[in-house]
């Protein structure tokens, strides 16, 4: 059962329910719940921010490439060279922009979390790291190894992030898919942090 932390979150949820395919909407709800659970586990004070980030993180995920490009035009968003090469990451930035413009979310932490929930990046804030993890281990995820990743949550946020990034890199590498440069930088940063560097 989903418990909303505020009327604002509930209203956004109703709007998303009308926009998103059912499976994607349910994924957003599961990520919202997972983010809030991880937030409680890791002592995060702003649970509503985590809820908003989880709920809105994939609000552009269902769009076709043509629709993504039209959305870029609408927001005057210029795709980077890397986004042109890896179109799977475009929805993250557009979802963050829509969170602000279309849903009235004015928290920079929520914006950052949504914008980098797919790739991660160096100097990612606490809220963003939690969303990054929640998106990969939410209850609806059932890929091989997800249970092992969920167990890593007890080791702390840095260890969980590192395990998830390693898993992502292995997946992309094994399928000869391109890897965003910020993901590699995030991995290096996490590796140094977990080694006490």
Protein backbone atom coordinates (compact mmCIF):
# COMPACT_ATOMS: atom_id res chain seq x y z
CA UNK A 1 0.00 0.00 0.00
CA UNK A 2 1.37 3.39 -1.02
CA UNK A 3 1.34 6.09 1.66
CA UNK A 4 1.76 9.63 0.36
CA UNK A 5 3.71 12.07 2.51
CA UNK A 6 1.76 15.12 1.35
CA UNK A 7 -1.17 16.31 -0.73
CA UNK A 8 1.34 17.60 -3.32
CA UNK A 9 2.80 14.12 -3.81
CA UNK A 10 -0.70 12.65 -4.04
CA UNK A 11 -1.74 15.18 -6.72
CA UNK A 12 1.42 14.53 -8.74
CA UNK A 13 0.74 10.81 -8.48
CA UNK A 14 -2.74 11.26 -9.91
CA UNK A 15 -1.39 13.29 -12.82
CA UNK A 16 1.27 10.66 -13.54
CA UNK A 17 -1.30 7.86 -13.35
CA UNK A 18 -3.09 9.52 -16.28
CA UNK A 19 0.13 10.05 -18.31
CA UNK A 20 2.23 6.95 -17.89
CA UNK A 21 1.72 3.37 -19.04
CA UNK A 22 0.52 1.32 -16.05
CA UNK A 23 3.70 -0.73 -15.67
CA UNK A 24 5.87 2.38 -15.68
CA UNK A 25 3.58 4.16 -13.22
CA UNK A 26 3.77 1.18 -10.85
CA UNK A 27 7.56 1.18 -11.21
CA UNK A 28 7.62 4.85 -10.18
CA UNK A 29 5.51 4.03 -7.11
CA UNK A 30 7.86 1.16 -6.17
CA UNK A 31 10.92 3.39 -6.59
CA UNK A 32 9.25 6.07 -4.46
CA UNK A 33 8.65 3.53 -1.69
CA UNK A 34 12.16 2.07 -1.95
CA UNK A 35 13.73 5.55 -1.87
CA UNK A 36 11.79 6.42 1.26
CA UNK A 37 12.78 3.12 2.92
CA UNK A 38 16.44 3.68 2.09
CA UNK A 39 16.13 7.26 3.29
CA UNK A 40 14.88 6.08 6.67
CA UNK A 41 17.62 3.44 6.81
CA UNK A 42 20.33 6.01 6.07
CA UNK A 43 18.95 8.78 8.30
CA UNK A 44 17.80 11.14 5.53
CA UNK A 45 15.69 13.96 6.95
CA UNK A 46 13.72 14.96 3.86
CA UNK A 47 11.65 11.89 3.06
CA UNK A 48 9.23 13.93 0.95
CA UNK A 49 12.06 14.94 -1.40
CA UNK A 50 12.94 11.27 -1.84
CA UNK A 51 9.29 10.46 -2.49
CA UNK A 52 9.01 13.17 -5.13
CA UNK A 53 12.25 12.10 -6.79
CA UNK A 54 11.15 8.47 -6.92
CA UNK A 55 7.69 9.28 -8.18
CA UNK A 56 8.89 11.61 -10.95
CA UNK A 57 12.18 10.00 -11.97
CA UNK A 58 10.83 8.29 -15.12
CA UNK A 59 8.13 10.72 -16.22
CA UNK A 60 9.67 10.83 -19.73
CA UNK A 61 10.82 7.18 -19.88
CA UNK A 62 7.91 6.05 -22.06
CA UNK A 63 8.43 8.64 -24.78
CA UNK A 64 9.59 7.61 -28.24
CA UNK A 65 12.75 9.17 -29.66
CA UNK A 66 10.60 11.52 -31.72
CA UNK A 67 8.68 12.59 -28.62
CA UNK A 68 11.91 13.04 -26.65
CA UNK A 69 13.25 15.32 -29.38
CA UNK A 70 10.03 17.35 -29.37
CA UNK A 71 10.32 17.64 -25.59
CA UNK A 72 13.91 18.85 -25.97
CA UNK A 73 12.65 21.53 -28.34
CA UNK A 74 9.88 22.51 -25.93
CA UNK A 75 12.40 23.07 -23.13
CA UNK A 76 15.12 24.43 -25.44
CA UNK A 77 17.33 21.59 -24.19
CA UNK A 78 20.38 20.87 -26.35
CA UNK A 79 21.45 17.25 -26.31
CA UNK A 80 25.09 16.59 -25.48
CA UNK A 81 27.25 14.58 -27.85
CA UNK A 82 27.11 11.68 -25.40
CA UNK A 83 23.30 11.81 -25.16
CA UNK A 84 23.14 11.59 -28.95
CA UNK A 85 25.30 8.45 -28.80
CA UNK A 86 23.45 6.95 -25.81
CA UNK A 87 19.78 7.95 -26.24
CA UNK A 88 18.72 5.74 -23.31
CA UNK A 89 19.97 8.42 -20.92
CA UNK A 90 18.02 11.34 -22.42
CA UNK A 91 14.85 10.71 -20.43
CA UNK A 92 16.62 11.42 -17.14
CA UNK A 93 17.42 15.07 -17.87
CA UNK A 94 14.03 15.69 -19.47
CA UNK A 95 12.24 14.07 -16.53
CA UNK A 96 14.14 16.43 -14.21
CA UNK A 97 13.17 19.48 -16.26
CA UNK A 98 9.53 18.37 -16.37
CA UNK A 99 9.57 17.85 -12.59
CA UNK A 100 10.27 21.57 -12.27
CA UNK A 101 8.25 23.01 -15.17
CA UNK A 102 5.22 20.71 -15.31
CA UNK A 103 4.99 19.47 -11.73
CA UNK A 104 6.21 22.50 -9.77
CA UNK A 105 9.04 20.78 -7.91
CA UNK A 106 11.55 23.46 -6.89
CA UNK A 107 13.99 21.43 -4.80
CA UNK A 108 17.46 21.33 -6.45
CA UNK A 109 18.19 18.02 -4.70
CA UNK A 110 15.17 16.43 -6.38
CA UNK A 111 16.21 17.88 -9.74
CA UNK A 112 19.74 16.47 -9.41
CA UNK A 113 18.45 13.08 -8.27
CA UNK A 114 16.14 12.72 -11.25
CA UNK A 115 18.65 14.10 -13.75
CA UNK A 116 21.31 11.52 -12.82
CA UNK A 117 19.26 8.52 -11.68
CA UNK A 118 20.29 6.50 -14.74
CA UNK A 119 24.00 7.25 -14.97
CA UNK A 120 25.09 8.58 -11.60
CA UNK A 121 27.92 11.13 -11.64
CA UNK A 122 30.74 12.37 -9.39
CA UNK A 123 29.77 14.64 -6.49
CA UNK A 124 26.25 13.24 -6.45
CA UNK A 125 24.28 14.40 -3.42
CA UNK A 126 22.79 12.12 -0.78
CA UNK A 127 19.24 12.33 -2.13
CA UNK A 128 20.49 11.56 -5.64
CA UNK A 129 22.54 8.58 -4.48
CA UNK A 130 19.53 7.15 -2.70
CA UNK A 131 17.34 7.52 -5.79
CA UNK A 132 20.07 6.02 -7.98
CA UNK A 133 20.02 2.93 -5.77
CA UNK A 134 16.24 2.78 -5.29
CA UNK A 135 15.68 2.75 -9.05
CA UNK A 136 17.89 -0.32 -9.42
CA UNK A 137 16.67 -2.39 -6.43
CA UNK A 138 12.98 -1.46 -6.09
CA UNK A 139 10.54 -4.30 -5.42
CA UNK A 140 9.53 -4.61 -9.09
CA UNK A 141 13.09 -5.32 -10.25
CA UNK A 142 13.77 -9.02 -10.84
CA UNK A 143 17.03 -9.24 -12.80
CA UNK A 144 19.65 -11.85 -11.93
CA UNK A 145 21.59 -10.66 -8.87
CA UNK A 146 19.09 -8.08 -7.61
CA UNK A 147 18.64 -9.91 -4.29
CA UNK A 148 22.37 -9.74 -3.64
CA UNK A 149 22.30 -6.02 -4.36
CA UNK A 150 19.38 -5.52 -1.96
CA UNK A 151 21.37 -7.22 0.79
CA UNK A 152 24.19 -4.72 0.25
CA UNK A 153 21.88 -1.95 1.50
CA UNK A 154 22.81 -3.00 5.05
CA UNK A 155 26.47 -2.19 4.36
CA UNK A 156 25.77 1.52 3.85
CA UNK A 157 24.96 3.84 0.98
CA UNK A 158 28.49 4.05 -0.45
CA UNK A 159 28.82 0.27 -0.59
CA UNK A 160 25.37 -0.11 -2.12
CA UNK A 161 26.08 2.54 -4.78
CA UNK A 162 29.38 0.91 -5.66
CA UNK A 163 27.81 -2.55 -5.97
CA UNK A 164 25.06 -1.19 -8.22
CA UNK A 165 27.48 0.73 -10.45
CA UNK A 166 29.66 -2.37 -10.79
CA UNK A 167 26.60 -4.41 -11.72
CA UNK A 168 25.55 -1.80 -14.30
CA UNK A 169 29.03 -1.64 -15.81
CA UNK A 170 29.22 -5.44 -16.07
CA UNK A 171 25.80 -5.53 -17.75
CA UNK A 172 26.71 -2.83 -20.28
CA UNK A 173 30.16 -4.27 -20.94
CA UNK A 174 28.85 -7.83 -21.45
CA UNK A 175 26.41 -6.55 -24.09
CA UNK A 176 28.95 -4.23 -25.72
CA UNK A 177 26.75 -1.21 -24.98
CA UNK A 178 28.17 2.30 -24.60
CA UNK A 179 28.88 3.56 -21.09
CA UNK A 180 28.34 7.18 -20.10
CA UNK A 181 31.57 8.86 -19.01
CA UNK A 182 29.95 10.16 -15.81
CA UNK A 183 29.14 6.56 -14.81
CA UNK A 184 32.81 5.61 -15.00
CA UNK A 185 33.73 8.74 -13.05
CA UNK A 186 31.09 7.87 -10.44
CA UNK A 187 32.53 4.36 -10.15
CA UNK A 188 36.04 5.73 -9.62
CA UNK A 189 34.81 8.17 -6.99
CA UNK A 190 32.90 5.46 -5.12
CA UNK A 191 35.87 3.11 -5.27
CA UNK A 192 38.07 5.75 -3.69
CA UNK A 193 35.45 6.56 -1.03
CA UNK A 194 34.94 2.93 -0.02
CA UNK A 195 38.70 2.41 0.20
CA UNK A 196 38.92 5.36 2.54
CA UNK A 197 40.75 7.56 0.05
